[in-house]
Amino acid sequence: MAEAEGVSQSAVSRIWRAFGVKPHIVEIWRLSTDPQFVTKARGVVSIYLA
């Protein structure tokens, strides 16, 4: 990114840090392919809602 924008890597790091950007941390929700997922999830969630 730094090279593409014509700035130093440290400048990119400072900007990211100023805005709280952490490119190494990925927040992704992946839907389970387990056919029993809904049943299992309901069981777990019901414990917390009880």
PDB file of N, CA and C in Angstrom:
ATOM      1  N   MET A   1       0.827  -1.181   0.000  1.00  0.00           N
ATOM      2  CA  MET A   1       0.000   0.000   0.000  1.00  0.00           C
ATOM      3  C   MET A   1       0.875   1.250   0.000  1.00  0.00           C
ATOM      4  N   ALA A   2       1.912   1.230   0.806  1.00  0.00           N
ATOM      5  CA  ALA A   2       2.790   2.397   0.890  1.00  0.00           C
ATOM      6  C   ALA A   2       3.392   2.723  -0.474  1.00  0.00           C
ATOM      7  N   GLU A   3       3.888   1.700  -1.136  1.00  0.00           N
ATOM      8  CA  GLU A   3       4.506   1.910  -2.448  1.00  0.00           C
ATOM      9  C   GLU A   3       3.477   2.425  -3.457  1.00  0.00           C
ATOM     10  N   ALA A   4       2.289   1.855  -3.429  1.00  0.00           N
ATOM     11  CA  ALA A   4       1.243   2.267  -4.368  1.00  0.00           C
ATOM     12  C   ALA A   4       0.838   3.724  -4.161  1.00  0.00           C
ATOM     13  N   GLU A   5       0.900   4.192  -2.924  1.00  0.00           N
ATOM     14  CA  GLU A   5       0.503   5.568  -2.613  1.00  0.00           C
ATOM     15  C   GLU A   5       1.680   6.539  -2.575  1.00  0.00           C
ATOM     16  N   GLY A   6       2.894   5.998  -2.707  1.00  0.00           N
ATOM     17  CA  GLY A   6       4.078   6.854  -2.733  1.00  0.00           C
ATOM     18  C   GLY A   6       4.458   7.429  -1.378  1.00  0.00           C
ATOM     19  N   VAL A   7       4.167   6.687  -0.319  1.00  0.00           N
ATOM     20  CA  VAL A   7       4.545   7.114   1.032  1.00  0.00           C
ATOM     21  C   VAL A   7       5.326   5.989   1.697  1.00  0.00           C
ATOM     22  N   SER A   8       5.901   6.290   2.853  1.00  0.00           N
ATOM     23  CA  SER A   8       6.672   5.262   3.548  1.00  0.00           C
ATOM     24  C   SER A   8       5.750   4.303   4.295  1.00  0.00           C
ATOM     25  N   GLN A   9       6.281   3.124   4.578  1.00  0.00           N
ATOM     26  CA  GLN A   9       5.522   2.132   5.345  1.00  0.00           C
ATOM     27  C   GLN A   9       5.216   2.659   6.744  1.00  0.00           C
ATOM     28  N   SER A  10       6.148   3.408   7.314  1.00  0.00           N
ATOM     29  CA  SER A  10       5.901   3.960   8.653  1.00  0.00           C
ATOM     30  C   SER A  10       4.768   4.982   8.628  1.00  0.00           C
ATOM     31  N   ALA A  11       4.628   5.724   7.537  1.00  0.00           N
ATOM     32  CA  ALA A  11       3.517   6.675   7.415  1.00  0.00           C
ATOM     33  C   ALA A  11       2.185   5.928   7.369  1.00  0.00           C
ATOM     34  N   VAL A  12       2.149   4.849   6.614  1.00  0.00           N
ATOM     35  CA  VAL A  12       0.934   4.035   6.549  1.00  0.00           C
ATOM     36  C   VAL A  12       0.617   3.477   7.932  1.00  0.00           C
ATOM     37  N   SER A  13       1.626   2.981   8.627  1.00  0.00           N
ATOM     38  CA  SER A  13       1.428   2.433   9.973  1.00  0.00           C
ATOM     39  C   SER A  13       0.889   3.484  10.931  1.00  0.00           C
ATOM     40  N   ARG A  14       1.427   4.699  10.864  1.00  0.00           N
ATOM     41  CA  ARG A  14       0.952   5.783  11.745  1.00  0.00           C
ATOM     42  C   ARG A  14      -0.504   6.124  11.460  1.00  0.00           C
ATOM     43  N   ILE A  15      -0.853   6.185  10.189  1.00  0.00           N
ATOM     44  CA  ILE A  15      -2.237   6.501   9.813  1.00  0.00           C
ATOM     45  C   ILE A  15      -3.171   5.395  10.290  1.00  0.00           C
ATOM     46  N   TRP A  16      -2.791   4.150  10.056  1.00  0.00           N
ATOM     47  CA  TRP A  16      -3.625   3.032  10.502  1.00  0.00           C
ATOM     48  C   TRP A  16      -3.803   3.061  12.014  1.00  0.00           C
ATOM     49  N   ARG A  17      -2.708   3.295  12.723  1.00  0.00           N
ATOM     50  CA  ARG A  17      -2.762   3.335  14.192  1.00  0.00           C
ATOM     51  C   ARG A  17      -3.668   4.469  14.669  1.00  0.00           C
ATOM     52  N   ALA A  18      -3.604   5.623  14.020  1.00  0.00           N
ATOM     53  CA  ALA A  18      -4.425   6.774  14.398  1.00  0.00           C
ATOM     54  C   ALA A  18      -5.917   6.471  14.255  1.00  0.00           C
ATOM     55  N   PHE A  19      -6.265   5.628  13.291  1.00  0.00           N
ATOM     56  CA  PHE A  19      -7.670   5.289  13.059  1.00  0.00           C
ATOM     57  C   PHE A  19      -8.064   3.933  13.643  1.00  0.00           C
ATOM     58  N   GLY A  20      -7.125   3.302  14.362  1.00  0.00           N
ATOM     59  CA  GLY A  20      -7.435   2.017  14.993  1.00  0.00           C
ATOM     60  C   GLY A  20      -7.541   0.855  14.027  1.00  0.00           C
ATOM     61  N   VAL A  21      -6.913   0.988  12.859  1.00  0.00           N
ATOM     62  CA  VAL A  21      -6.966  -0.085  11.866  1.00  0.00           C
ATOM     63  C   VAL A  21      -5.939  -1.146  12.230  1.00  0.00           C
ATOM     64  N   LYS A  22      -6.398  -2.401  12.280  1.00  0.00           N
ATOM     65  CA  LYS A  22      -5.516  -3.524  12.590  1.00  0.00           C
ATOM     66  C   LYS A  22      -5.692  -4.568  11.486  1.00  0.00           C
ATOM     67  N   PRO A  23      -4.927  -4.442  10.399  1.00  0.00           N
ATOM     68  CA  PRO A  23      -5.141  -5.313   9.242  1.00  0.00           C
ATOM     69  C   PRO A  23      -4.858  -6.786   9.514  1.00  0.00           C
ATOM     70  N   HIS A  24      -4.127  -7.094  10.580  1.00  0.00           N
ATOM     71  CA  HIS A  24      -3.826  -8.487  10.890  1.00  0.00           C
ATOM     72  C   HIS A  24      -4.964  -9.163  11.646  1.00  0.00           C
ATOM     73  N   ILE A  25      -5.954  -8.378  12.105  1.00  0.00           N
ATOM     74  CA  ILE A  25      -7.094  -8.941  12.819  1.00  0.00           C
ATOM     75  C   ILE A  25      -8.282  -8.965  11.866  1.00  0.00           C
ATOM     76  N   VAL A  26      -8.771 -10.150  11.634  1.00  0.00           N
ATOM     77  CA  VAL A  26      -9.878 -10.320  10.701  1.00  0.00           C
ATOM     78  C   VAL A  26     -11.108 -10.766  11.485  1.00  0.00           C
ATOM     79  N   GLU A  27     -12.187 -10.038  11.319  1.00  0.00           N
ATOM     80  CA  GLU A  27     -13.433 -10.399  11.974  1.00  0.00           C
ATOM     81  C   GLU A  27     -14.392 -10.916  10.912  1.00  0.00           C
ATOM     82  N   ILE A  28     -14.556 -12.202  10.900  1.00  0.00           N
ATOM     83  CA  ILE A  28     -15.393 -12.830   9.879  1.00  0.00           C
ATOM     84  C   ILE A  28     -16.351 -13.806  10.558  1.00  0.00           C
ATOM     85  N   TRP A  29     -17.572 -13.792  10.123  1.00  0.00           N
ATOM     86  CA  TRP A  29     -18.538 -14.789  10.568  1.00  0.00           C
ATOM     87  C   TRP A  29     -18.634 -15.824   9.466  1.00  0.00           C
ATOM     88  N   ARG A  30     -18.378 -17.049   9.798  1.00  0.00           N
ATOM     89  CA  ARG A  30     -18.493 -18.126   8.817  1.00  0.00           C
ATOM     90  C   ARG A  30     -19.658 -19.015   9.215  1.00  0.00           C
ATOM     91  N   LEU A  31     -20.576 -19.174   8.324  1.00  0.00           N
ATOM     92  CA  LEU A  31     -21.733 -20.003   8.585  1.00  0.00           C
ATOM     93  C   LEU A  31     -21.328 -21.467   8.545  1.00  0.00           C
ATOM     94  N   SER A  32     -21.736 -22.204   9.533  1.00  0.00           N
ATOM     95  CA  SER A  32     -21.401 -23.617   9.623  1.00  0.00           C
ATOM     96  C   SER A  32     -22.091 -24.408   8.519  1.00  0.00           C
ATOM     97  N   THR A  33     -21.410 -25.434   8.053  1.00  0.00           N
ATOM     98  CA  THR A  33     -22.004 -26.340   7.069  1.00  0.00           C
ATOM     99  C   THR A  33     -22.569 -27.586   7.745  1.00  0.00           C
ATOM    100  N   ASP A  34     -22.486 -27.628   9.075  1.00  0.00           N
ATOM    101  CA  ASP A  34     -23.011 -28.751   9.849  1.00  0.00           C
ATOM    102  C   ASP A  34     -24.535 -28.779   9.728  1.00  0.00           C
ATOM    103  N   PRO A  35     -25.109 -29.881   9.269  1.00  0.00           N
ATOM    104  CA  PRO A  35     -26.560 -29.942   9.126  1.00  0.00           C
ATOM    105  C   PRO A  35     -27.297 -29.808  10.464  1.00  0.00           C
ATOM    106  N   GLN A  36     -26.629 -30.077  11.557  1.00  0.00           N
ATOM    107  CA  GLN A  36     -27.234 -29.969  12.887  1.00  0.00           C
ATOM    108  C   GLN A  36     -26.936 -28.629  13.554  1.00  0.00           C
ATOM    109  N   PHE A  37     -26.372 -27.698  12.803  1.00  0.00           N
ATOM    110  CA  PHE A  37     -25.946 -26.418  13.378  1.00  0.00           C
ATOM    111  C   PHE A  37     -27.079 -25.675  14.076  1.00  0.00           C
ATOM    112  N   VAL A  38     -28.214 -25.549  13.430  1.00  0.00           N
ATOM    113  CA  VAL A  38     -29.327 -24.786  14.003  1.00  0.00           C
ATOM    114  C   VAL A  38     -29.772 -25.421  15.316  1.00  0.00           C
ATOM    115  N   THR A  39     -29.893 -26.727  15.335  1.00  0.00           N
ATOM    116  CA  THR A  39     -30.301 -27.429  16.550  1.00  0.00           C
ATOM    117  C   THR A  39     -29.289 -27.209  17.666  1.00  0.00           C
ATOM    118  N   LYS A  40     -28.017 -27.345  17.349  1.00  0.00           N
ATOM    119  CA  LYS A  40     -26.966 -27.154  18.350  1.00  0.00           C
ATOM    120  C   LYS A  40     -26.929 -25.710  18.835  1.00  0.00           C
ATOM    121  N   ALA A  41     -27.055 -24.767  17.919  1.00  0.00           N
ATOM    122  CA  ALA A  41     -27.011 -23.350  18.283  1.00  0.00           C
ATOM    123  C   ALA A  41     -28.177 -22.996  19.193  1.00  0.00           C
ATOM    124  N   ARG A  42     -29.356 -23.513  18.893  1.00  0.00           N
ATOM    125  CA  ARG A  42     -30.519 -23.256  19.753  1.00  0.00           C
ATOM    126  C   ARG A  42     -30.262 -23.769  21.162  1.00  0.00           C
ATOM    127  N   GLY A  43     -29.660 -24.940  21.268  1.00  0.00           N
ATOM    128  CA  GLY A  43     -29.353 -25.506  22.580  1.00  0.00           C
ATOM    129  C   GLY A  43     -28.414 -24.624  23.374  1.00  0.00           C
ATOM    130  N   VAL A  44     -27.383 -24.126  22.732  1.00  0.00           N
ATOM    131  CA  VAL A  44     -26.410 -23.262  23.403  1.00  0.00           C
ATOM    132  C   VAL A  44     -27.038 -21.925  23.769  1.00  0.00           C
ATOM    133  N   VAL A  45     -27.749 -21.328  22.837  1.00  0.00           N
ATOM    134  CA  VAL A  45     -28.361 -20.022  23.082  1.00  0.00           C
ATOM    135  C   VAL A  45     -29.404 -20.115  24.193  1.00  0.00           C
ATOM    136  N   SER A  46     -30.153 -21.204  24.225  1.00  0.00           N
ATOM    137  CA  SER A  46     -31.190 -21.342  25.255  1.00  0.00           C
ATOM    138  C   SER A  46     -30.593 -21.354  26.655  1.00  0.00           C
ATOM    139  N   ILE A  47     -29.384 -21.859  26.802  1.00  0.00           N
ATOM    140  CA  ILE A  47     -28.708 -21.849  28.110  1.00  0.00           C
ATOM    141  C   ILE A  47     -28.473 -20.412  28.559  1.00  0.00           C
ATOM    142  N   TYR A  48     -28.042 -19.561  27.642  1.00  0.00           N
ATOM    143  CA  TYR A  48     -27.748 -18.169  27.984  1.00  0.00           C
ATOM    144  C   TYR A  48     -29.007 -17.340  28.190  1.00  0.00           C
ATOM    145  N   LEU A  49     -30.105 -17.736  27.566  1.00  0.00           N
ATOM    146  CA  LEU A  49     -31.348 -16.985  27.705  1.00  0.00           C
ATOM    147  C   LEU A  49     -32.183 -17.444  28.896  1.00  0.00           C
ATOM    148  N   ALA A  50     -31.804 -18.574  29.485  1.00  0.00           N
ATOM    149  CA  ALA A  50     -32.578 -19.123  30.623  1.00  0.00           C
ATOM    150  C   ALA A  50     -32.381 -18.310  31.883  1.00  0.00           C
TER     151      ALA A  50
END
